[in-house]
């Protein structure tokens, strides 16, 4: 699901200091999918002999999240403290996972928000210069039904996007 999320985000090979955000979303997608598969496979696995794996899927997702259960920093605090590191290397997995754990509750609250990720990288490469501009471009492109979600993501990072 991590790699599928890159496809949904319309990954493109351009200079993008905000790649860390896409990577974070993809880590979030992995966690979300593991937990959803765990729930579904309890009662409706793709093959009946896969049913016992439902608990392993849940356990793996829980294990990945447990590392962050006592993390009292907000996504904004993590971002501010690590901005230069994030923008210079978008694939710092421990940092991506830490931020994914902060974003996951937003997707848990509104799973339909996954539809918004398909609009992430459709703007001009110039909007990748800073995170505010990157999120604003994303907000401007998403359908009306996803604007509240993107606005919440912005607020999570202390940024005002859109008119809400």
C-alpha atoms as a PDB file:
ATOM      1  CA  UNK A   1       0.000   0.000   0.000  1.00  0.00           C
ATOM      2  CA  UNK A   2       2.981   2.315   0.481  1.00  0.00           C
ATOM      3  CA  UNK A   3       3.949   2.059  -3.178  1.00  0.00           C
ATOM      4  CA  UNK A   4       0.329   2.217  -4.327  1.00  0.00           C
ATOM      5  CA  UNK A   5       0.011   5.479  -2.416  1.00  0.00           C
ATOM      6  CA  UNK A   6       2.913   6.909  -4.470  1.00  0.00           C
ATOM      7  CA  UNK A   7       0.906   6.098  -7.587  1.00  0.00           C
ATOM      8  CA  UNK A   8      -2.201   7.718  -6.092  1.00  0.00           C
ATOM      9  CA  UNK A   9      -0.160  10.808  -5.158  1.00  0.00           C
ATOM     10  CA  UNK A  10       1.027  11.114  -8.762  1.00  0.00           C
ATOM     11  CA  UNK A  11       4.688  10.823  -7.824  1.00  0.00           C
ATOM     12  CA  UNK A  12       6.871  12.692 -10.262  1.00  0.00           C
ATOM     13  CA  UNK A  13      10.602  12.885 -10.569  1.00  0.00           C
ATOM     14  CA  UNK A  14      11.111  16.620 -10.027  1.00  0.00           C
ATOM     15  CA  UNK A  15      12.968  18.599  -7.400  1.00  0.00           C
ATOM     16  CA  UNK A  16      10.581  18.385  -4.464  1.00  0.00           C
ATOM     17  CA  UNK A  17      11.759  19.408  -1.003  1.00  0.00           C
ATOM     18  CA  UNK A  18       8.266  18.438   0.197  1.00  0.00           C
ATOM     19  CA  UNK A  19       8.713  14.788  -0.836  1.00  0.00           C
ATOM     20  CA  UNK A  20       8.819  13.991   2.888  1.00  0.00           C
ATOM     21  CA  UNK A  21       5.091  14.712   3.044  1.00  0.00           C
ATOM     22  CA  UNK A  22       4.276  12.251   0.255  1.00  0.00           C
ATOM     23  CA  UNK A  23       6.511   9.661   1.958  1.00  0.00           C
ATOM     24  CA  UNK A  24       4.696  10.321   5.233  1.00  0.00           C
ATOM     25  CA  UNK A  25       1.316   9.865   3.544  1.00  0.00           C
ATOM     26  CA  UNK A  26       2.550   6.594   2.040  1.00  0.00           C
ATOM     27  CA  UNK A  27       3.692   5.329   5.451  1.00  0.00           C
ATOM     28  CA  UNK A  28       0.289   6.359   6.773  1.00  0.00           C
ATOM     29  CA  UNK A  29      -1.383   4.409   3.940  1.00  0.00           C
ATOM     30  CA  UNK A  30       0.610   1.339   4.893  1.00  0.00           C
ATOM     31  CA  UNK A  31      -0.525   1.528   8.509  1.00  0.00           C
ATOM     32  CA  UNK A  32      -4.120   2.250   7.529  1.00  0.00           C
ATOM     33  CA  UNK A  33      -4.237  -0.651   5.051  1.00  0.00           C
ATOM     34  CA  UNK A  34      -2.683  -3.129   7.496  1.00  0.00           C
ATOM     35  CA  UNK A  35      -5.301  -2.326  10.114  1.00  0.00           C
ATOM     36  CA  UNK A  36      -8.183  -2.399   7.640  1.00  0.00           C
ATOM     37  CA  UNK A  37      -7.018  -5.723   6.200  1.00  0.00           C
ATOM     38  CA  UNK A  38      -6.717  -7.075   9.725  1.00  0.00           C
ATOM     39  CA  UNK A  39     -10.345  -6.153  10.431  1.00  0.00           C
ATOM     40  CA  UNK A  40     -11.664  -7.428   7.113  1.00  0.00           C
ATOM     41  CA  UNK A  41      -9.775 -10.713   7.194  1.00  0.00           C
ATOM     42  CA  UNK A  42     -11.271 -11.590  10.589  1.00  0.00           C
ATOM     43  CA  UNK A  43     -14.607 -12.236   8.865  1.00  0.00           C
ATOM     44  CA  UNK A  44     -13.985 -12.056   5.116  1.00  0.00           C
ATOM     45  CA  UNK A  45     -10.447 -13.038   4.087  1.00  0.00           C
ATOM     46  CA  UNK A  46      -9.634 -13.359   0.369  1.00  0.00           C
ATOM     47  CA  UNK A  47      -9.079 -17.079   1.007  1.00  0.00           C
ATOM     48  CA  UNK A  48     -10.444 -18.952   4.007  1.00  0.00           C
ATOM     49  CA  UNK A  49      -6.996 -20.222   5.018  1.00  0.00           C
ATOM     50  CA  UNK A  50      -5.795 -16.595   5.326  1.00  0.00           C
ATOM     51  CA  UNK A  51      -8.198 -15.799   8.161  1.00  0.00           C
ATOM     52  CA  UNK A  52      -5.594 -16.512  10.897  1.00  0.00           C
ATOM     53  CA  UNK A  53      -3.332 -13.822   9.397  1.00  0.00           C
ATOM     54  CA  UNK A  54      -5.784 -11.101  10.399  1.00  0.00           C
ATOM     55  CA  UNK A  55      -4.295 -10.893  13.864  1.00  0.00           C
ATOM     56  CA  UNK A  56      -0.756 -10.777  12.473  1.00  0.00           C
ATOM     57  CA  UNK A  57      -1.698  -7.799  10.292  1.00  0.00           C
ATOM     58  CA  UNK A  58      -3.197  -5.991  13.279  1.00  0.00           C
ATOM     59  CA  UNK A  59      -0.247  -6.886  15.474  1.00  0.00           C
ATOM     60  CA  UNK A  60       2.259  -5.588  12.938  1.00  0.00           C
ATOM     61  CA  UNK A  61       0.441  -2.258  12.569  1.00  0.00           C
ATOM     62  CA  UNK A  62       0.136  -1.964  16.353  1.00  0.00           C
ATOM     63  CA  UNK A  63       3.832  -2.751  16.773  1.00  0.00           C
ATOM     64  CA  UNK A  64       4.768   0.004  14.305  1.00  0.00           C
ATOM     65  CA  UNK A  65       2.508   2.489  16.112  1.00  0.00           C
ATOM     66  CA  UNK A  66       3.446   1.460  19.651  1.00  0.00           C
ATOM     67  CA  UNK A  67       6.860   3.088  19.206  1.00  0.00           C
ATOM     68  CA  UNK A  68       5.090   6.456  19.108  1.00  0.00           C
ATOM     69  CA  UNK A  69       2.391   5.992  21.750  1.00  0.00           C
ATOM     70  CA  UNK A  70       4.237   8.158  24.291  1.00  0.00           C
ATOM     71  CA  UNK A  71       5.335  10.749  21.758  1.00  0.00           C
ATOM     72  CA  UNK A  72       3.915  13.958  23.194  1.00  0.00           C
ATOM     73  CA  UNK A  73       5.190  16.234  20.435  1.00  0.00           C
ATOM     74  CA  UNK A  74       2.666  17.471  17.904  1.00  0.00           C
ATOM     75  CA  UNK A  75       3.146  17.108  14.157  1.00  0.00           C
ATOM     76  CA  UNK A  76       3.869  20.839  14.077  1.00  0.00           C
ATOM     77  CA  UNK A  77       6.592  20.533  16.724  1.00  0.00           C
ATOM     78  CA  UNK A  78       8.160  17.590  14.903  1.00  0.00           C
ATOM     79  CA  UNK A  79       8.019  19.454  11.591  1.00  0.00           C
ATOM     80  CA  UNK A  80       9.529  22.664  12.986  1.00  0.00           C
ATOM     81  CA  UNK A  81      12.335  20.789  14.752  1.00  0.00           C
ATOM     82  CA  UNK A  82      13.155  18.712  11.669  1.00  0.00           C
ATOM     83  CA  UNK A  83      12.190  20.896   8.718  1.00  0.00           C
ATOM     84  CA  UNK A  84      15.654  21.130   7.164  1.00  0.00           C
ATOM     85  CA  UNK A  85      16.217  17.398   7.616  1.00  0.00           C
ATOM     86  CA  UNK A  86      12.820  16.597   6.075  1.00  0.00           C
ATOM     87  CA  UNK A  87      13.358  18.892   3.107  1.00  0.00           C
ATOM     88  CA  UNK A  88      16.873  17.612   2.405  1.00  0.00           C
ATOM     89  CA  UNK A  89      15.936  13.916   2.592  1.00  0.00           C
ATOM     90  CA  UNK A  90      12.308  13.006   2.097  1.00  0.00           C
ATOM     91  CA  UNK A  91      12.898   9.362   2.974  1.00  0.00           C
ATOM     92  CA  UNK A  92      13.914   9.458   6.614  1.00  0.00           C
ATOM     93  CA  UNK A  93      11.748   6.457   7.562  1.00  0.00           C
ATOM     94  CA  UNK A  94      11.766   6.936  11.337  1.00  0.00           C
ATOM     95  CA  UNK A  95      10.724  10.561  10.883  1.00  0.00           C
ATOM     96  CA  UNK A  96       8.184   9.707   8.154  1.00  0.00           C
ATOM     97  CA  UNK A  97       6.672   7.037  10.405  1.00  0.00           C
ATOM     98  CA  UNK A  98       6.560   9.367  13.385  1.00  0.00           C
ATOM     99  CA  UNK A  99       4.622  11.936  11.367  1.00  0.00           C
ATOM    100  CA  UNK A 100       2.439   9.222   9.828  1.00  0.00           C
ATOM    101  CA  UNK A 101       1.369   8.220  13.337  1.00  0.00           C
ATOM    102  CA  UNK A 102       0.255  11.831  13.866  1.00  0.00           C
ATOM    103  CA  UNK A 103      -1.717  11.957  10.593  1.00  0.00           C
ATOM    104  CA  UNK A 104      -3.334   8.528  10.840  1.00  0.00           C
ATOM    105  CA  UNK A 105      -6.168   9.700  13.149  1.00  0.00           C
ATOM    106  CA  UNK A 106      -7.260  12.157  10.438  1.00  0.00           C
ATOM    107  CA  UNK A 107      -7.695   9.289   7.975  1.00  0.00           C
ATOM    108  CA  UNK A 108      -9.308   7.104  10.638  1.00  0.00           C
ATOM    109  CA  UNK A 109     -11.869   9.848  11.221  1.00  0.00           C
ATOM    110  CA  UNK A 110     -12.554  10.238   7.488  1.00  0.00           C
ATOM    111  CA  UNK A 111     -11.391   7.282   5.348  1.00  0.00           C
ATOM    112  CA  UNK A 112     -12.913   8.893   2.251  1.00  0.00           C
ATOM    113  CA  UNK A 113     -10.126  11.474   2.538  1.00  0.00           C
ATOM    114  CA  UNK A 114      -7.792   9.010   0.809  1.00  0.00           C
ATOM    115  CA  UNK A 115      -9.436  10.301  -2.366  1.00  0.00           C
ATOM    116  CA  UNK A 116      -7.692  13.629  -1.807  1.00  0.00           C
ATOM    117  CA  UNK A 117      -4.198  12.204  -2.281  1.00  0.00           C
ATOM    118  CA  UNK A 118      -4.723  11.835  -6.027  1.00  0.00           C
ATOM    119  CA  UNK A 119      -4.557  15.621  -6.321  1.00  0.00           C
ATOM    120  CA  UNK A 120      -1.310  16.064  -4.388  1.00  0.00           C
ATOM    121  CA  UNK A 121       1.336  16.379  -7.096  1.00  0.00           C
ATOM    122  CA  UNK A 122      -0.654  17.773 -10.000  1.00  0.00           C
ATOM    123  CA  UNK A 123       0.475  21.376  -9.629  1.00  0.00           C
ATOM    124  CA  UNK A 124       3.539  23.117 -11.018  1.00  0.00           C
ATOM    125  CA  UNK A 125       6.891  22.025  -9.594  1.00  0.00           C
ATOM    126  CA  UNK A 126       7.399  25.590  -8.325  1.00  0.00           C
ATOM    127  CA  UNK A 127       4.830  25.031  -5.573  1.00  0.00           C
ATOM    128  CA  UNK A 128       7.185  22.457  -4.031  1.00  0.00           C
ATOM    129  CA  UNK A 129       9.409  25.296  -2.798  1.00  0.00           C
ATOM    130  CA  UNK A 130       7.717  25.527   0.581  1.00  0.00           C
ATOM    131  CA  UNK A 131       5.237  23.451   2.534  1.00  0.00           C
ATOM    132  CA  UNK A 132       2.614  26.215   2.821  1.00  0.00           C
ATOM    133  CA  UNK A 133       2.533  26.651  -0.941  1.00  0.00           C
ATOM    134  CA  UNK A 134       2.564  22.868  -1.498  1.00  0.00           C
ATOM    135  CA  UNK A 135      -0.464  22.344   0.758  1.00  0.00           C
ATOM    136  CA  UNK A 136      -2.270  25.376  -0.660  1.00  0.00           C
ATOM    137  CA  UNK A 137      -1.859  23.979  -4.179  1.00  0.00           C
ATOM    138  CA  UNK A 138      -3.206  20.642  -2.995  1.00  0.00           C
ATOM    139  CA  UNK A 139      -6.166  22.380  -1.334  1.00  0.00           C
ATOM    140  CA  UNK A 140      -6.903  24.364  -4.490  1.00  0.00           C
ATOM    141  CA  UNK A 141      -7.030  21.184  -6.610  1.00  0.00           C
ATOM    142  CA  UNK A 142      -9.086  18.843  -4.440  1.00  0.00           C
ATOM    143  CA  UNK A 143     -12.842  18.562  -4.933  1.00  0.00           C
ATOM    144  CA  UNK A 144     -15.020  20.460  -2.486  1.00  0.00           C
ATOM    145  CA  UNK A 145     -15.681  17.272  -0.489  1.00  0.00           C
ATOM    146  CA  UNK A 146     -11.951  17.011   0.387  1.00  0.00           C
ATOM    147  CA  UNK A 147     -11.203  20.641   1.202  1.00  0.00           C
ATOM    148  CA  UNK A 148     -12.049  20.311   4.904  1.00  0.00           C
ATOM    149  CA  UNK A 149      -9.653  17.371   5.183  1.00  0.00           C
ATOM    150  CA  UNK A 150      -6.757  19.195   3.504  1.00  0.00           C
ATOM    151  CA  UNK A 151      -7.469  22.178   5.720  1.00  0.00           C
ATOM    152  CA  UNK A 152      -7.203  19.876   8.783  1.00  0.00           C
ATOM    153  CA  UNK A 153      -3.874  18.569   7.518  1.00  0.00           C
ATOM    154  CA  UNK A 154      -2.666  22.147   7.199  1.00  0.00           C
ATOM    155  CA  UNK A 155      -3.821  22.949  10.731  1.00  0.00           C
ATOM    156  CA  UNK A 156      -2.011  19.853  11.998  1.00  0.00           C
ATOM    157  CA  UNK A 157       1.182  21.481  10.761  1.00  0.00           C
ATOM    158  CA  UNK A 158       0.191  24.962  11.920  1.00  0.00           C
ATOM    159  CA  UNK A 159      -0.589  26.204   8.425  1.00  0.00           C
ATOM    160  CA  UNK A 160      -3.734  27.901   7.192  1.00  0.00           C
ATOM    161  CA  UNK A 161      -4.782  26.611   3.779  1.00  0.00           C
ATOM    162  CA  UNK A 162      -7.981  27.491   2.025  1.00  0.00           C
ATOM    163  CA  UNK A 163     -10.636  29.778   3.331  1.00  0.00           C
ATOM    164  CA  UNK A 164     -11.942  27.607   6.180  1.00  0.00           C
END
